[in-house]
Amino acid sequence: MARQARRIRVEVDRERCIGSAVCTFHAPGSFDVGDDAKVRWLEAGGASPEAIRSAVENCPTRALRLLEEGDRK
């Protein structure tokens, strides 16, 4: 039986974000830093789940929160 991958997304606390772009280094297809120097979550499809987890874990201000299918706030 094939195991189905869990869908992931990231919640961004824009008040905490300092625009360091560490997330874009780890998962460039899933994050972008806008003209306002704040990160934007693009989509999980741009990077592997491991890369996204790494981006979240390495955020210097902890402005990112990983949410997986079934997680609640």
C-alpha atoms as a PDB file:
ATOM      1  CA  MET A   1       0.000   0.000   0.000  1.00  0.00           C
ATOM      2  CA  ALA A   2       1.421   3.397  -0.997  1.00  0.00           C
ATOM      3  CA  ARG A   3       1.887   5.941   1.728  1.00  0.00           C
ATOM      4  CA  GLN A   4       0.393   9.347   0.948  1.00  0.00           C
ATOM      5  CA  ALA A   5       2.553  12.387   1.700  1.00  0.00           C
ATOM      6  CA  ARG A   6       1.142  14.878   4.163  1.00  0.00           C
ATOM      7  CA  ARG A   7       0.425  18.304   2.768  1.00  0.00           C
ATOM      8  CA  ILE A   8       2.449  21.030   4.415  1.00  0.00           C
ATOM      9  CA  ARG A   9       2.242  24.785   4.588  1.00  0.00           C
ATOM     10  CA  VAL A  10       3.933  27.511   6.562  1.00  0.00           C
ATOM     11  CA  GLU A  11       2.427  30.230   8.684  1.00  0.00           C
ATOM     12  CA  VAL A  12       4.434  33.471   8.645  1.00  0.00           C
ATOM     13  CA  ASP A  13       4.514  35.933  11.536  1.00  0.00           C
ATOM     14  CA  ARG A  14       5.305  39.076   9.544  1.00  0.00           C
ATOM     15  CA  GLU A  15       5.780  41.107  12.740  1.00  0.00           C
ATOM     16  CA  ARG A  16       8.727  38.894  13.721  1.00  0.00           C
ATOM     17  CA  CYS A  17      10.259  38.637  10.250  1.00  0.00           C
ATOM     18  CA  ILE A  18      13.407  40.724   9.747  1.00  0.00           C
ATOM     19  CA  GLY A  19      13.901  39.793   6.089  1.00  0.00           C
ATOM     20  CA  SER A  20      17.127  37.842   6.608  1.00  0.00           C
ATOM     21  CA  ALA A  21      16.161  35.556   3.687  1.00  0.00           C
ATOM     22  CA  VAL A  22      17.514  32.454   5.427  1.00  0.00           C
ATOM     23  CA  CYS A  23      14.319  30.687   4.374  1.00  0.00           C
ATOM     24  CA  THR A  24      14.903  31.524   0.714  1.00  0.00           C
ATOM     25  CA  PHE A  25      18.383  30.001   0.971  1.00  0.00           C
ATOM     26  CA  HIS A  26      17.010  26.713   2.339  1.00  0.00           C
ATOM     27  CA  ALA A  27      13.829  26.508   0.239  1.00  0.00           C
ATOM     28  CA  PRO A  28      14.021  29.052  -2.611  1.00  0.00           C
ATOM     29  CA  GLY A  29      10.986  27.712  -4.441  1.00  0.00           C
ATOM     30  CA  SER A  30       8.749  28.053  -1.413  1.00  0.00           C
ATOM     31  CA  PHE A  31       9.700  31.420   0.083  1.00  0.00           C
ATOM     32  CA  ASP A  32      10.337  34.894  -1.254  1.00  0.00           C
ATOM     33  CA  VAL A  33      11.239  38.178   0.404  1.00  0.00           C
ATOM     34  CA  GLY A  34       9.179  41.068  -0.939  1.00  0.00           C
ATOM     35  CA  ASP A  35       9.980  44.733  -1.424  1.00  0.00           C
ATOM     36  CA  ASP A  36       8.804  45.308   2.150  1.00  0.00           C
ATOM     37  CA  ALA A  37      11.655  43.026   3.392  1.00  0.00           C
ATOM     38  CA  LYS A  38       9.159  40.491   4.739  1.00  0.00           C
ATOM     39  CA  VAL A  39       8.978  36.846   3.802  1.00  0.00           C
ATOM     40  CA  ARG A  40       6.101  35.421   1.779  1.00  0.00           C
ATOM     41  CA  TRP A  41       5.145  31.757   1.729  1.00  0.00           C
ATOM     42  CA  LEU A  42       4.726  30.739  -1.897  1.00  0.00           C
ATOM     43  CA  GLU A  43       3.810  27.036  -1.894  1.00  0.00           C
ATOM     44  CA  ALA A  44       5.169  23.731  -0.689  1.00  0.00           C
ATOM     45  CA  GLY A  45       5.520  22.424  -4.231  1.00  0.00           C
ATOM     46  CA  GLY A  46       8.595  24.543  -4.845  1.00  0.00           C
ATOM     47  CA  ALA A  47      10.820  22.702  -2.361  1.00  0.00           C
ATOM     48  CA  SER A  48      11.088  19.349  -0.633  1.00  0.00           C
ATOM     49  CA  PRO A  49       9.499  18.871   2.803  1.00  0.00           C
ATOM     50  CA  GLU A  50      13.009  18.529   4.247  1.00  0.00           C
ATOM     51  CA  ALA A  51      14.080  21.866   2.748  1.00  0.00           C
ATOM     52  CA  ILE A  52      10.969  23.571   4.106  1.00  0.00           C
ATOM     53  CA  ARG A  53      11.568  22.110   7.574  1.00  0.00           C
ATOM     54  CA  SER A  54      15.159  23.332   7.414  1.00  0.00           C
ATOM     55  CA  ALA A  55      13.991  26.824   6.463  1.00  0.00           C
ATOM     56  CA  VAL A  56      11.559  26.914   9.395  1.00  0.00           C
ATOM     57  CA  GLU A  57      14.110  25.556  11.866  1.00  0.00           C
ATOM     58  CA  ASN A  58      16.801  28.021  10.762  1.00  0.00           C
ATOM     59  CA  CYS A  59      14.711  31.189  10.826  1.00  0.00           C
ATOM     60  CA  PRO A  60      16.659  33.480  13.178  1.00  0.00           C
ATOM     61  CA  THR A  61      13.532  35.130  14.623  1.00  0.00           C
ATOM     62  CA  ARG A  62      11.263  32.054  14.608  1.00  0.00           C
ATOM     63  CA  ALA A  63       8.848  33.887  12.330  1.00  0.00           C
ATOM     64  CA  LEU A  64       7.917  30.655  10.525  1.00  0.00           C
ATOM     65  CA  ARG A  65       5.690  27.854  11.765  1.00  0.00           C
ATOM     66  CA  LEU A  66       5.358  24.557   9.925  1.00  0.00           C
ATOM     67  CA  LEU A  67       1.803  23.241   9.616  1.00  0.00           C
ATOM     68  CA  GLU A  68       0.986  19.815   8.263  1.00  0.00           C
ATOM     69  CA  GLU A  69      -2.352  18.516   7.066  1.00  0.00           C
ATOM     70  CA  GLY A  70      -4.492  17.883  10.109  1.00  0.00           C
ATOM     71  CA  ASP A  71      -2.679  20.407  12.332  1.00  0.00           C
ATOM     72  CA  ARG A  72      -4.791  23.011  14.014  1.00  0.00           C
ATOM     73  CA  LYS A  73      -3.789  26.433  15.257  1.00  0.00           C
END
